[in-house]
Amino acid sequence: MAQSWHLRECGVIQMLKKLGCLGTVFPSNTALKRKSKDELIDMLHIAEHNYQVQVEANINQYNILKTYLQEYSYEDFMKIVSKAQIERSEE
């Protein structure tokens, strides 16, 4: 029973590391093992949210590139990108 718990715990830790927060150094195995179940669950929710944001960003990037390939010349597309970057920097 104890070995089974340990294997599940290690599996959760590995999953958390794979889903880790973008741009954040993920805690070591030792640090993760010291965390409570609630802290690990919170970290998992954050990682899941970050994963979903990354998926949405990739879908949006794909759609933009698809539109570019279908409807615009390179110069027109670069004008659109420049305009969006300017608007973003003004926010």
C-alpha atoms as a PDB file:
ATOM      1  CA  MET A   1       0.000   0.000   0.000  1.00  0.00           C
ATOM      2  CA  ALA A   2       2.757   2.486   0.926  1.00  0.00           C
ATOM      3  CA  GLN A   3       4.619   1.755  -2.303  1.00  0.00           C
ATOM      4  CA  SER A   4       1.411   2.274  -4.314  1.00  0.00           C
ATOM      5  CA  TRP A   5       0.909   5.689  -2.655  1.00  0.00           C
ATOM      6  CA  HIS A   6       4.502   6.647  -3.370  1.00  0.00           C
ATOM      7  CA  LEU A   7       4.177   5.721  -7.066  1.00  0.00           C
ATOM      8  CA  ARG A   8       0.973   7.758  -7.386  1.00  0.00           C
ATOM      9  CA  GLU A   9       2.579  10.688  -5.579  1.00  0.00           C
ATOM     10  CA  CYS A  10       5.590  10.581  -7.922  1.00  0.00           C
ATOM     11  CA  GLY A  11       3.232  10.437 -10.911  1.00  0.00           C
ATOM     12  CA  VAL A  12       1.429  13.570  -9.704  1.00  0.00           C
ATOM     13  CA  ILE A  13       4.722  15.364  -9.178  1.00  0.00           C
ATOM     14  CA  GLN A  14       5.899  14.458 -12.681  1.00  0.00           C
ATOM     15  CA  MET A  15       2.584  15.636 -14.167  1.00  0.00           C
ATOM     16  CA  LEU A  16       2.845  18.936 -12.299  1.00  0.00           C
ATOM     17  CA  LYS A  17       6.364  19.432 -13.630  1.00  0.00           C
ATOM     18  CA  LYS A  18       5.233  18.760 -17.211  1.00  0.00           C
ATOM     19  CA  LEU A  19       2.289  21.163 -16.878  1.00  0.00           C
ATOM     20  CA  GLY A  20       4.334  23.751 -14.996  1.00  0.00           C
ATOM     21  CA  CYS A  21       3.785  27.460 -15.064  1.00  0.00           C
ATOM     22  CA  LEU A  22       5.311  29.156 -18.063  1.00  0.00           C
ATOM     23  CA  GLY A  23       8.235  31.380 -17.190  1.00  0.00           C
ATOM     24  CA  THR A  24       8.395  30.112 -13.602  1.00  0.00           C
ATOM     25  CA  VAL A  25      11.024  27.798 -12.197  1.00  0.00           C
ATOM     26  CA  PHE A  26       9.169  24.791 -10.908  1.00  0.00           C
ATOM     27  CA  PRO A  27      10.000  23.546  -7.378  1.00  0.00           C
ATOM     28  CA  SER A  28      12.310  20.575  -6.934  1.00  0.00           C
ATOM     29  CA  ASN A  29      10.956  17.129  -6.081  1.00  0.00           C
ATOM     30  CA  THR A  30      11.968  17.657  -2.458  1.00  0.00           C
ATOM     31  CA  ALA A  31      10.087  20.963  -2.231  1.00  0.00           C
ATOM     32  CA  LEU A  32       7.019  19.447  -3.910  1.00  0.00           C
ATOM     33  CA  LYS A  33       7.008  16.496  -1.508  1.00  0.00           C
ATOM     34  CA  ARG A  34       6.871  18.926   1.443  1.00  0.00           C
ATOM     35  CA  LYS A  35       3.755  20.664   0.101  1.00  0.00           C
ATOM     36  CA  SER A  36       0.310  19.815   1.376  1.00  0.00           C
ATOM     37  CA  LYS A  37      -2.315  18.207  -0.825  1.00  0.00           C
ATOM     38  CA  ASP A  38      -4.160  21.545  -1.011  1.00  0.00           C
ATOM     39  CA  GLU A  39      -1.020  23.360  -2.178  1.00  0.00           C
ATOM     40  CA  LEU A  40      -0.419  20.701  -4.844  1.00  0.00           C
ATOM     41  CA  ILE A  41      -4.047  20.920  -5.982  1.00  0.00           C
ATOM     42  CA  ASP A  42      -3.729  24.711  -6.260  1.00  0.00           C
ATOM     43  CA  MET A  43      -0.559  24.331  -8.305  1.00  0.00           C
ATOM     44  CA  LEU A  44      -2.298  21.831 -10.570  1.00  0.00           C
ATOM     45  CA  HIS A  45      -5.176  24.260 -11.177  1.00  0.00           C
ATOM     46  CA  ILE A  46      -2.706  27.025 -12.075  1.00  0.00           C
ATOM     47  CA  ALA A  47      -0.835  24.692 -14.414  1.00  0.00           C
ATOM     48  CA  GLU A  48      -4.088  23.581 -16.052  1.00  0.00           C
ATOM     49  CA  HIS A  49      -5.118  27.213 -16.586  1.00  0.00           C
ATOM     50  CA  ASN A  50      -1.713  28.063 -18.076  1.00  0.00           C
ATOM     51  CA  TYR A  51      -1.954  25.074 -20.390  1.00  0.00           C
ATOM     52  CA  GLN A  52      -5.394  26.195 -21.623  1.00  0.00           C
ATOM     53  CA  VAL A  53      -4.095  29.726 -22.232  1.00  0.00           C
ATOM     54  CA  GLN A  54      -1.197  28.293 -24.229  1.00  0.00           C
ATOM     55  CA  VAL A  55      -3.567  26.135 -26.307  1.00  0.00           C
ATOM     56  CA  GLU A  56      -5.782  29.156 -27.048  1.00  0.00           C
ATOM     57  CA  ALA A  57      -2.749  31.248 -28.013  1.00  0.00           C
ATOM     58  CA  ASN A  58      -1.558  28.529 -30.382  1.00  0.00           C
ATOM     59  CA  ILE A  59      -5.016  28.282 -31.986  1.00  0.00           C
ATOM     60  CA  ASN A  60      -5.128  32.058 -32.420  1.00  0.00           C
ATOM     61  CA  GLN A  61      -1.643  32.096 -33.939  1.00  0.00           C
ATOM     62  CA  TYR A  62      -2.624  29.315 -36.345  1.00  0.00           C
ATOM     63  CA  ASN A  63      -5.780  31.196 -37.393  1.00  0.00           C
ATOM     64  CA  ILE A  64      -3.825  34.400 -37.985  1.00  0.00           C
ATOM     65  CA  LEU A  65      -1.239  32.623 -40.128  1.00  0.00           C
ATOM     66  CA  LYS A  66      -3.974  30.787 -42.019  1.00  0.00           C
ATOM     67  CA  THR A  67      -5.676  34.113 -42.762  1.00  0.00           C
ATOM     68  CA  TYR A  68      -2.365  35.581 -43.889  1.00  0.00           C
ATOM     69  CA  LEU A  69      -1.720  32.711 -46.274  1.00  0.00           C
ATOM     70  CA  GLN A  70      -5.210  32.873 -47.746  1.00  0.00           C
ATOM     71  CA  GLU A  71      -5.968  36.573 -47.979  1.00  0.00           C
ATOM     72  CA  TYR A  72      -2.972  38.874 -47.715  1.00  0.00           C
ATOM     73  CA  SER A  73       0.312  39.646 -49.319  1.00  0.00           C
ATOM     74  CA  TYR A  74       3.335  39.662 -47.033  1.00  0.00           C
ATOM     75  CA  GLU A  75       3.465  43.481 -46.980  1.00  0.00           C
ATOM     76  CA  ASP A  76      -0.230  43.780 -46.061  1.00  0.00           C
ATOM     77  CA  PHE A  77       0.151  41.220 -43.306  1.00  0.00           C
ATOM     78  CA  MET A  78       3.175  43.042 -41.850  1.00  0.00           C
ATOM     79  CA  LYS A  79       1.164  46.296 -41.803  1.00  0.00           C
ATOM     80  CA  ILE A  80      -1.573  44.553 -39.816  1.00  0.00           C
ATOM     81  CA  VAL A  81       0.982  43.117 -37.373  1.00  0.00           C
ATOM     82  CA  SER A  82       2.656  46.530 -36.928  1.00  0.00           C
ATOM     83  CA  LYS A  83      -0.698  48.209 -36.298  1.00  0.00           C
ATOM     84  CA  ALA A  84      -1.621  45.574 -33.694  1.00  0.00           C
ATOM     85  CA  GLN A  85       1.752  45.967 -31.953  1.00  0.00           C
ATOM     86  CA  ILE A  86       1.332  49.755 -31.795  1.00  0.00           C
ATOM     87  CA  GLU A  87      -2.191  49.426 -30.382  1.00  0.00           C
ATOM     88  CA  ARG A  88      -0.972  46.924 -27.829  1.00  0.00           C
ATOM     89  CA  SER A  89       1.882  49.146 -26.681  1.00  0.00           C
ATOM     90  CA  GLU A  90      -0.518  52.072 -26.208  1.00  0.00           C
ATOM     91  CA  GLU A  91      -2.773  50.091 -23.842  1.00  0.00           C
END
